[in-house]
């Protein structure tokens, strides 16, 4: 009885081992991959680069005041169309008390000096008419009198400029801020009640408004130092805007910076291009944009998909595998190739293969079948 039990146990263990081995082999076995092939094609290849940047007006004019004061009123809003001479804002002059007091004192001194000189002039004029003094003495006294009159006029003009902003007593000339060019008001960075400073030799002054012509726009971007040497003035650009989908604008390269700037470890060169704006599109200043530039173009060249290339691990030289017989035999041989330009999809083949060769699709993978093992276990 013990022997029977013993043999039964041994048989169970053997059957279990065989079942486990069969299950392991079946679950880990993979079907052989059948590689496909592709023939080289004749096509056109363009090598492009993309410069990121923005679209801005060619000319932006900042309107600044000719006198310091406080914004009394603003007549326009951002986005308004203006013509040269249109009124933008009005400034109220707030004179400096010390300067005003000094100007007033200068007027009083000039009036006192004029009264004194006038008395002497009247007395000498009477004596000259009677023949008591010479004409030279009279002319000298008259000159002093004329100078005193002029000094009083200058003092009064300076006082009026400090008090109201204009020598003529009317402040319209300096306190009315007007557009100097026609265009669109891009920005009005001040508001009513803000204090502004006049433009002079020591201060650029407060900007009242920025005006630009939005019908004349340029692309401003940057390219890497490795590509700037391939650019030429007059090259066509294709501008795409982030704010306008499915639309590109033509442009022409007009400027390449002679000096690069280092950004994040890479040297970037500024470029500019004249953008052709169509009337039906409103392009706002500062739109983000990408400019596509064709660095090199070749027509009717032999090419293969770039994904078919393989690279030697030691020499890093490119090669492909070519079918040496019918595809069903799955026999391939290595061929070293010389490549040209690439557009990221297709690569030019300079030598190594012909259009009659069949190139192995070496990176093909077998599709994953989800649920197959579970179904087999259930069976």
Protein backbone atom coordinates (compact mmCIF):
# COMPACT_ATOMS: atom_id res chain seq x y z
CA UNK A 1 0.00 0.00 0.00
CA UNK A 2 2.80 2.38 0.83
CA UNK A 3 4.44 1.68 -2.53
CA UNK A 4 1.24 2.49 -4.38
CA UNK A 5 0.93 5.81 -2.55
CA UNK A 6 4.56 6.49 -3.22
CA UNK A 7 4.20 5.87 -6.96
CA UNK A 8 1.07 7.99 -7.09
CA UNK A 9 2.85 10.91 -5.45
CA UNK A 10 5.80 10.57 -7.82
CA UNK A 11 3.41 10.52 -10.78
CA UNK A 12 1.62 13.63 -9.55
CA UNK A 13 4.92 15.46 -9.11
CA UNK A 14 6.11 14.47 -12.58
CA UNK A 15 2.85 15.58 -14.19
CA UNK A 16 2.97 18.87 -12.26
CA UNK A 17 6.55 19.50 -13.39
CA UNK A 18 5.67 18.77 -17.01
CA UNK A 19 2.64 21.07 -16.86
CA UNK A 20 4.69 23.87 -15.28
CA UNK A 21 7.42 23.51 -17.90
CA UNK A 22 4.87 23.59 -20.73
CA UNK A 23 3.15 26.64 -19.28
CA UNK A 24 6.48 28.47 -18.83
CA UNK A 25 7.61 27.71 -22.38
CA UNK A 26 4.27 28.74 -23.84
CA UNK A 27 4.00 31.96 -21.83
CA UNK A 28 7.55 33.08 -22.68
CA UNK A 29 7.68 32.07 -26.29
CA UNK A 30 7.53 34.85 -28.93
CA UNK A 31 6.70 34.54 -32.55
CA UNK A 32 9.49 35.45 -34.97
CA UNK A 33 9.34 39.01 -36.32
CA UNK A 34 8.89 39.27 -40.06
CA UNK A 35 10.66 42.44 -41.22
CA UNK A 36 9.17 44.62 -43.92
CA UNK A 37 11.18 46.50 -46.55
CA UNK A 38 10.89 49.87 -48.21
CA UNK A 39 12.31 51.16 -51.48
CA UNK A 40 14.13 54.51 -51.72
CA UNK A 41 12.14 57.36 -53.23
CA UNK A 42 12.92 60.45 -55.31
CA UNK A 43 11.66 63.59 -53.63
CA UNK A 44 12.40 67.21 -52.71
CA UNK A 45 13.99 67.90 -49.33
CA UNK A 46 14.10 71.20 -47.47
CA UNK A 47 16.20 71.80 -44.40
CA UNK A 48 14.43 74.37 -42.24
CA UNK A 49 14.96 76.14 -38.98
CA UNK A 50 12.43 77.91 -36.81
CA UNK A 51 13.12 81.23 -35.08
CA UNK A 52 10.88 82.18 -32.18
CA UNK A 53 10.01 85.79 -31.50
CA UNK A 54 7.18 88.29 -31.83
CA UNK A 55 5.55 90.68 -34.27
CA UNK A 56 5.95 94.35 -33.43
CA UNK A 57 5.37 97.68 -35.24
CA UNK A 58 8.32 98.91 -37.25
CA UNK A 59 8.20 102.33 -35.57
CA UNK A 60 6.83 103.20 -32.15
CA UNK A 61 6.72 106.87 -31.14
CA UNK A 62 6.63 107.92 -27.50
CA UNK A 63 4.81 111.20 -26.84
CA UNK A 64 6.43 113.20 -24.02
CA UNK A 65 5.53 116.61 -22.50
CA UNK A 66 7.52 119.80 -22.98
CA UNK A 67 6.61 121.03 -19.49
CA UNK A 68 6.28 119.45 -16.06
CA UNK A 69 2.94 119.33 -14.32
CA UNK A 70 -0.07 117.16 -13.51
CA UNK A 71 -2.32 115.33 -15.98
CA UNK A 72 -5.52 117.37 -16.02
CA UNK A 73 -7.45 115.38 -18.64
CA UNK A 74 -6.95 112.49 -21.09
CA UNK A 75 -9.00 112.63 -24.27
CA UNK A 76 -8.20 109.26 -25.91
CA UNK A 77 -8.12 105.58 -24.97
CA UNK A 78 -5.70 102.81 -25.88
CA UNK A 79 -6.50 101.39 -29.30
CA UNK A 80 -7.84 104.67 -30.70
CA UNK A 81 -6.87 105.76 -34.22
CA UNK A 82 -5.18 109.17 -34.29
CA UNK A 83 -3.84 111.62 -36.83
CA UNK A 84 -0.85 113.86 -36.37
CA UNK A 85 -1.96 116.88 -34.34
CA UNK A 86 -4.86 115.21 -32.51
CA UNK A 87 -5.18 116.18 -28.85
CA UNK A 88 -4.23 113.36 -26.48
CA UNK A 89 -4.08 114.95 -23.02
CA UNK A 90 -3.88 118.24 -21.17
CA UNK A 91 -1.41 119.16 -18.43
CA UNK A 92 -2.06 121.53 -15.55
CA UNK A 93 1.03 123.48 -14.58
CA UNK A 94 1.89 123.45 -10.87
CA UNK A 95 4.71 126.01 -10.47
CA UNK A 96 7.52 125.59 -8.01
CA UNK A 97 7.00 128.16 -5.25
CA UNK A 98 10.68 128.98 -4.91
CA UNK A 99 11.18 129.44 -8.66
CA UNK A 100 7.97 131.49 -8.87
CA UNK A 101 9.09 133.77 -6.03
CA UNK A 102 12.52 134.27 -7.61
CA UNK A 103 10.94 135.14 -10.97
CA UNK A 104 8.60 137.61 -9.29
CA UNK A 105 11.54 139.25 -7.53
CA UNK A 106 13.41 139.52 -10.81
CA UNK A 107 10.44 141.37 -12.32
CA UNK A 108 10.37 143.86 -9.44
CA UNK A 109 14.12 144.48 -9.74
CA UNK A 110 13.76 145.05 -13.47
CA UNK A 111 10.89 147.51 -12.89
CA UNK A 112 12.94 149.48 -10.33
CA UNK A 113 15.98 149.56 -12.62
CA UNK A 114 13.83 150.69 -15.54
CA UNK A 115 12.24 153.54 -13.54
CA UNK A 116 15.66 154.77 -12.51
CA UNK A 117 17.10 154.60 -16.02
CA UNK A 118 13.96 156.24 -17.47
CA UNK A 119 14.36 159.27 -15.18
CA UNK A 120 17.94 159.72 -16.31
CA UNK A 121 16.96 159.18 -19.94
CA UNK A 122 14.18 161.80 -19.80
CA UNK A 123 16.52 164.32 -18.19
CA UNK A 124 19.28 163.73 -20.73
CA UNK A 125 16.81 163.90 -23.58
CA UNK A 126 15.74 167.41 -22.46
CA UNK A 127 19.34 168.52 -22.11
CA UNK A 128 20.17 167.10 -25.56
CA UNK A 129 17.30 168.98 -27.15
CA UNK A 130 18.63 172.20 -25.58
CA UNK A 131 22.13 171.44 -26.84
CA UNK A 132 23.66 171.10 -23.38
CA UNK A 133 25.02 167.52 -23.87
CA UNK A 134 26.52 165.85 -26.85
CA UNK A 135 24.76 163.29 -29.01
CA UNK A 136 27.19 160.61 -27.80
CA UNK A 137 26.13 161.06 -24.17
CA UNK A 138 22.49 160.99 -25.25
CA UNK A 139 22.95 157.79 -27.27
CA UNK A 140 24.67 156.08 -24.34
CA UNK A 141 21.79 156.91 -22.04
CA UNK A 142 19.23 155.79 -24.61
CA UNK A 143 21.04 152.43 -24.92
CA UNK A 144 20.85 151.88 -21.17
CA UNK A 145 17.14 152.71 -21.27
CA UNK A 146 16.43 150.22 -24.12
CA UNK A 147 18.37 147.50 -22.29
CA UNK A 148 16.36 148.08 -19.11
CA UNK A 149 13.09 147.78 -21.09
CA UNK A 150 14.26 144.50 -22.66
CA UNK A 151 15.35 143.12 -19.28
CA UNK A 152 11.89 143.84 -17.84
CA UNK A 153 10.22 142.07 -20.78
CA UNK A 154 12.43 139.00 -20.32
CA UNK A 155 11.75 138.89 -16.59
CA UNK A 156 7.99 139.07 -17.15
CA UNK A 157 8.20 136.28 -19.81
CA UNK A 158 10.12 133.99 -17.46
CA UNK A 159 7.56 134.68 -14.75
CA UNK A 160 4.68 133.77 -17.10
CA UNK A 161 6.42 130.53 -18.21
CA UNK A 162 6.88 129.40 -14.61
CA UNK A 163 3.35 130.42 -13.58
CA UNK A 164 1.21 129.16 -16.51
CA UNK A 165 3.62 127.36 -18.84
CA UNK A 166 3.77 129.88 -21.67
CA UNK A 167 5.44 133.23 -22.22
CA UNK A 168 2.37 134.65 -23.96
CA UNK A 169 0.11 134.06 -20.97
CA UNK A 170 -1.65 131.15 -22.71
CA UNK A 171 -0.57 127.60 -21.82
CA UNK A 172 -2.11 125.92 -24.87
CA UNK A 173 1.20 125.58 -26.71
CA UNK A 174 2.94 123.47 -24.07
CA UNK A 175 0.20 122.04 -21.88
CA UNK A 176 -1.83 120.48 -24.73
CA UNK A 177 -0.20 117.14 -25.59
CA UNK A 178 -0.79 116.24 -29.24
CA UNK A 179 0.05 113.27 -31.45
CA UNK A 180 3.16 113.82 -33.55
CA UNK A 181 2.41 110.95 -35.99
CA UNK A 182 -0.65 109.13 -37.31
CA UNK A 183 -1.40 105.59 -36.16
CA UNK A 184 -2.91 103.63 -33.28
CA UNK A 185 -2.52 104.45 -29.60
CA UNK A 186 -0.79 101.36 -28.19
CA UNK A 187 -0.44 102.48 -24.61
CA UNK A 188 -1.30 105.36 -22.29
CA UNK A 189 0.74 104.60 -19.15
CA UNK A 190 -0.52 107.64 -17.19
CA UNK A 191 -3.89 108.60 -15.74
CA UNK A 192 -5.58 111.78 -14.61
CA UNK A 193 -3.78 113.27 -11.62
CA UNK A 194 -0.38 111.73 -12.38
CA UNK A 195 2.62 114.01 -12.17
CA UNK A 196 4.74 114.18 -15.33
CA UNK A 197 8.24 115.45 -16.04
CA UNK A 198 9.24 117.35 -19.14
CA UNK A 199 11.77 115.99 -21.63
CA UNK A 200 15.16 117.71 -21.39
CA UNK A 201 18.89 117.07 -21.74
CA UNK A 202 19.10 115.30 -18.39
CA UNK A 203 15.79 113.39 -18.32
CA UNK A 204 13.95 111.58 -21.09
CA UNK A 205 10.66 112.69 -19.55
CA UNK A 206 7.41 110.91 -18.75
CA UNK A 207 5.76 109.01 -21.60
CA UNK A 208 2.19 110.22 -22.08
CA UNK A 209 1.30 107.80 -24.92
CA UNK A 210 2.88 105.38 -27.39
CA UNK A 211 1.70 105.52 -31.02
CA UNK A 212 2.50 103.14 -33.88
CA UNK A 213 1.29 102.27 -37.37
CA UNK A 214 -0.02 98.68 -37.11
CA UNK A 215 -0.13 98.30 -40.89
CA UNK A 216 3.69 98.20 -41.00
CA UNK A 217 4.88 95.30 -38.86
CA UNK A 218 8.16 93.41 -38.51
CA UNK A 219 9.11 90.03 -37.07
CA UNK A 220 11.76 90.15 -34.36
CA UNK A 221 13.30 86.86 -33.28
CA UNK A 222 16.52 84.97 -32.53
CA UNK A 223 18.43 82.12 -34.18
CA UNK A 224 21.21 79.88 -32.90
CA UNK A 225 24.84 80.55 -33.82
CA UNK A 226 25.00 77.21 -35.65
CA UNK A 227 22.43 78.42 -38.19
CA UNK A 228 23.05 82.15 -38.47
CA UNK A 229 25.90 81.60 -40.92
CA UNK A 230 23.46 80.05 -43.41
CA UNK A 231 21.15 83.08 -43.44
CA UNK A 232 21.21 85.78 -46.10
CA UNK A 233 19.46 89.12 -46.28
CA UNK A 234 16.38 88.94 -48.47
CA UNK A 235 15.61 85.30 -47.64
CA UNK A 236 11.87 84.52 -47.54
CA UNK A 237 10.30 83.80 -44.15
CA UNK A 238 7.03 82.13 -43.31
CA UNK A 239 5.47 83.67 -40.20
CA UNK A 240 2.90 81.83 -38.09
CA UNK A 241 1.17 83.60 -35.21
CA UNK A 242 -0.02 81.94 -32.03
CA UNK A 243 -3.15 84.12 -32.03
CA UNK A 244 -4.20 83.26 -35.62
CA UNK A 245 -4.60 79.57 -36.43
CA UNK A 246 -4.19 77.97 -39.87
CA UNK A 247 -2.72 81.11 -41.39
CA UNK A 248 0.82 82.07 -42.33
CA UNK A 249 2.21 85.42 -43.46
CA UNK A 250 5.03 86.07 -45.90
CA UNK A 251 8.05 88.04 -44.76
CA UNK A 252 11.53 88.90 -45.98
CA UNK A 253 14.69 88.84 -43.86
CA UNK A 254 16.05 92.38 -43.58
CA UNK A 255 18.46 92.34 -40.62
CA UNK A 256 20.93 89.91 -39.01
CA UNK A 257 22.65 91.10 -35.84
CA UNK A 258 26.45 91.34 -36.14
CA UNK A 259 26.82 90.42 -32.46
CA UNK A 260 25.27 87.53 -30.56
CA UNK A 261 24.07 87.39 -26.98
CA UNK A 262 24.53 84.39 -24.71
CA UNK A 263 21.28 82.97 -23.34
CA UNK A 264 21.17 79.82 -21.21
CA UNK A 265 24.61 78.78 -22.42
CA UNK A 266 23.84 79.27 -26.14
CA UNK A 267 24.70 82.24 -28.33
CA UNK A 268 21.65 83.74 -30.04
CA UNK A 269 21.58 86.29 -32.87
CA UNK A 270 18.74 88.75 -33.37
CA UNK A 271 17.02 88.82 -36.76
CA UNK A 272 14.28 91.02 -38.24
CA UNK A 273 11.96 90.54 -41.18
CA UNK A 274 9.41 92.74 -42.97
CA UNK A 275 5.97 91.09 -42.64
CA UNK A 276 3.31 91.41 -45.33
CA UNK A 277 0.01 92.10 -43.54
CA UNK A 278 -3.29 91.39 -45.28
CA UNK A 279 -6.10 93.89 -44.76
CA UNK A 280 -8.62 91.38 -43.38
CA UNK A 281 -6.39 90.49 -40.42
CA UNK A 282 -5.86 92.67 -37.36
CA UNK A 283 -2.34 92.09 -36.07
CA UNK A 284 -1.78 93.41 -32.56
CA UNK A 285 1.62 94.53 -31.38
CA UNK A 286 3.49 91.87 -29.42
CA UNK A 287 1.86 88.73 -30.88
CA UNK A 288 4.13 85.72 -30.34
CA UNK A 289 5.32 84.31 -33.65
CA UNK A 290 7.50 81.64 -35.25
CA UNK A 291 9.45 82.24 -38.44
CA UNK A 292 10.28 79.27 -40.65
CA UNK A 293 13.44 79.73 -42.74
CA UNK A 294 14.57 77.39 -45.52
CA UNK A 295 18.32 76.95 -44.97
CA UNK A 296 18.87 74.48 -47.81
CA UNK A 297 16.74 72.88 -50.50
CA UNK A 298 17.39 70.04 -52.94
CA UNK A 299 15.05 68.76 -55.63
CA UNK A 300 14.64 65.25 -57.06
CA UNK A 301 17.11 63.54 -54.75
CA UNK A 302 17.25 59.87 -53.71
CA UNK A 303 15.97 59.57 -50.12
CA UNK A 304 14.74 57.12 -47.53
CA UNK A 305 12.83 57.62 -44.28
CA UNK A 306 15.28 58.72 -41.62
CA UNK A 307 13.95 56.00 -39.29
CA UNK A 308 15.51 53.31 -41.53
CA UNK A 309 19.04 54.49 -40.77
CA UNK A 310 21.20 52.63 -38.28
CA UNK A 311 24.49 53.82 -36.81
CA UNK A 312 27.60 51.82 -36.05
CA UNK A 313 28.29 51.73 -32.32
CA UNK A 314 32.04 52.15 -32.78
CA UNK A 315 32.39 54.54 -35.74
CA UNK A 316 28.95 56.20 -35.47
CA UNK A 317 28.70 55.99 -39.28
CA UNK A 318 25.27 55.40 -40.86
CA UNK A 319 24.28 52.18 -42.59
CA UNK A 320 21.19 50.28 -43.71
CA UNK A 321 20.30 46.65 -44.23
CA UNK A 322 19.38 45.57 -47.76
CA UNK A 323 17.32 42.50 -48.70
CA UNK A 324 19.51 40.02 -50.64
CA UNK A 325 16.64 37.92 -51.94
CA UNK A 326 12.88 37.64 -51.79
CA UNK A 327 11.30 39.32 -48.77
CA UNK A 328 9.93 35.97 -47.58
CA UNK A 329 13.48 34.66 -47.02
CA UNK A 330 14.25 37.50 -44.60
CA UNK A 331 17.91 37.67 -45.60
CA UNK A 332 19.68 41.03 -45.31
CA UNK A 333 23.16 42.46 -45.68
CA UNK A 334 24.72 45.64 -44.30
CA UNK A 335 25.42 48.60 -46.60
CA UNK A 336 27.30 51.69 -45.48
CA UNK A 337 25.69 54.86 -46.85
CA UNK A 338 26.62 58.53 -47.21
CA UNK A 339 23.83 60.90 -46.29
CA UNK A 340 23.07 64.52 -47.17
CA UNK A 341 20.45 66.92 -45.85
CA UNK A 342 17.42 65.87 -43.84
CA UNK A 343 14.08 67.47 -43.11
CA UNK A 344 13.46 65.31 -40.04
CA UNK A 345 11.36 62.80 -41.98
CA UNK A 346 13.36 61.89 -45.08
CA UNK A 347 17.13 61.93 -45.48
CA UNK A 348 19.10 62.33 -48.71
CA UNK A 349 21.22 59.34 -49.79
CA UNK A 350 24.39 60.39 -51.60
CA UNK A 351 25.85 56.91 -52.08
CA UNK A 352 25.60 53.31 -50.89
CA UNK A 353 22.23 52.20 -52.29
CA UNK A 354 20.16 52.59 -55.43
CA UNK A 355 16.48 53.08 -56.09
CA UNK A 356 16.13 49.35 -56.85
CA UNK A 357 17.30 48.23 -53.40
CA UNK A 358 14.91 47.16 -50.66
CA UNK A 359 15.75 48.64 -47.25
CA UNK A 360 14.90 46.73 -44.09
CA UNK A 361 12.49 48.30 -41.61
CA UNK A 362 14.70 47.26 -38.73
CA UNK A 363 12.82 48.88 -35.84
CA UNK A 364 9.52 47.09 -36.40
CA UNK A 365 8.02 45.59 -33.24
CA UNK A 366 5.37 42.96 -32.83
CA UNK A 367 2.03 44.44 -31.66
CA UNK A 368 1.05 43.63 -28.09
CA UNK A 369 -2.00 41.40 -27.84
CA UNK A 370 -3.90 42.32 -24.71
CA UNK A 371 -5.89 39.56 -23.06
CA UNK A 372 -4.48 36.63 -25.14
CA UNK A 373 -2.76 34.90 -22.23
CA UNK A 374 -5.80 35.24 -19.98
CA UNK A 375 -8.03 33.69 -22.66
CA UNK A 376 -5.64 30.77 -23.13
CA UNK A 377 -5.46 30.14 -19.38
CA UNK A 378 -9.24 30.17 -19.19
CA UNK A 379 -9.39 27.55 -21.93
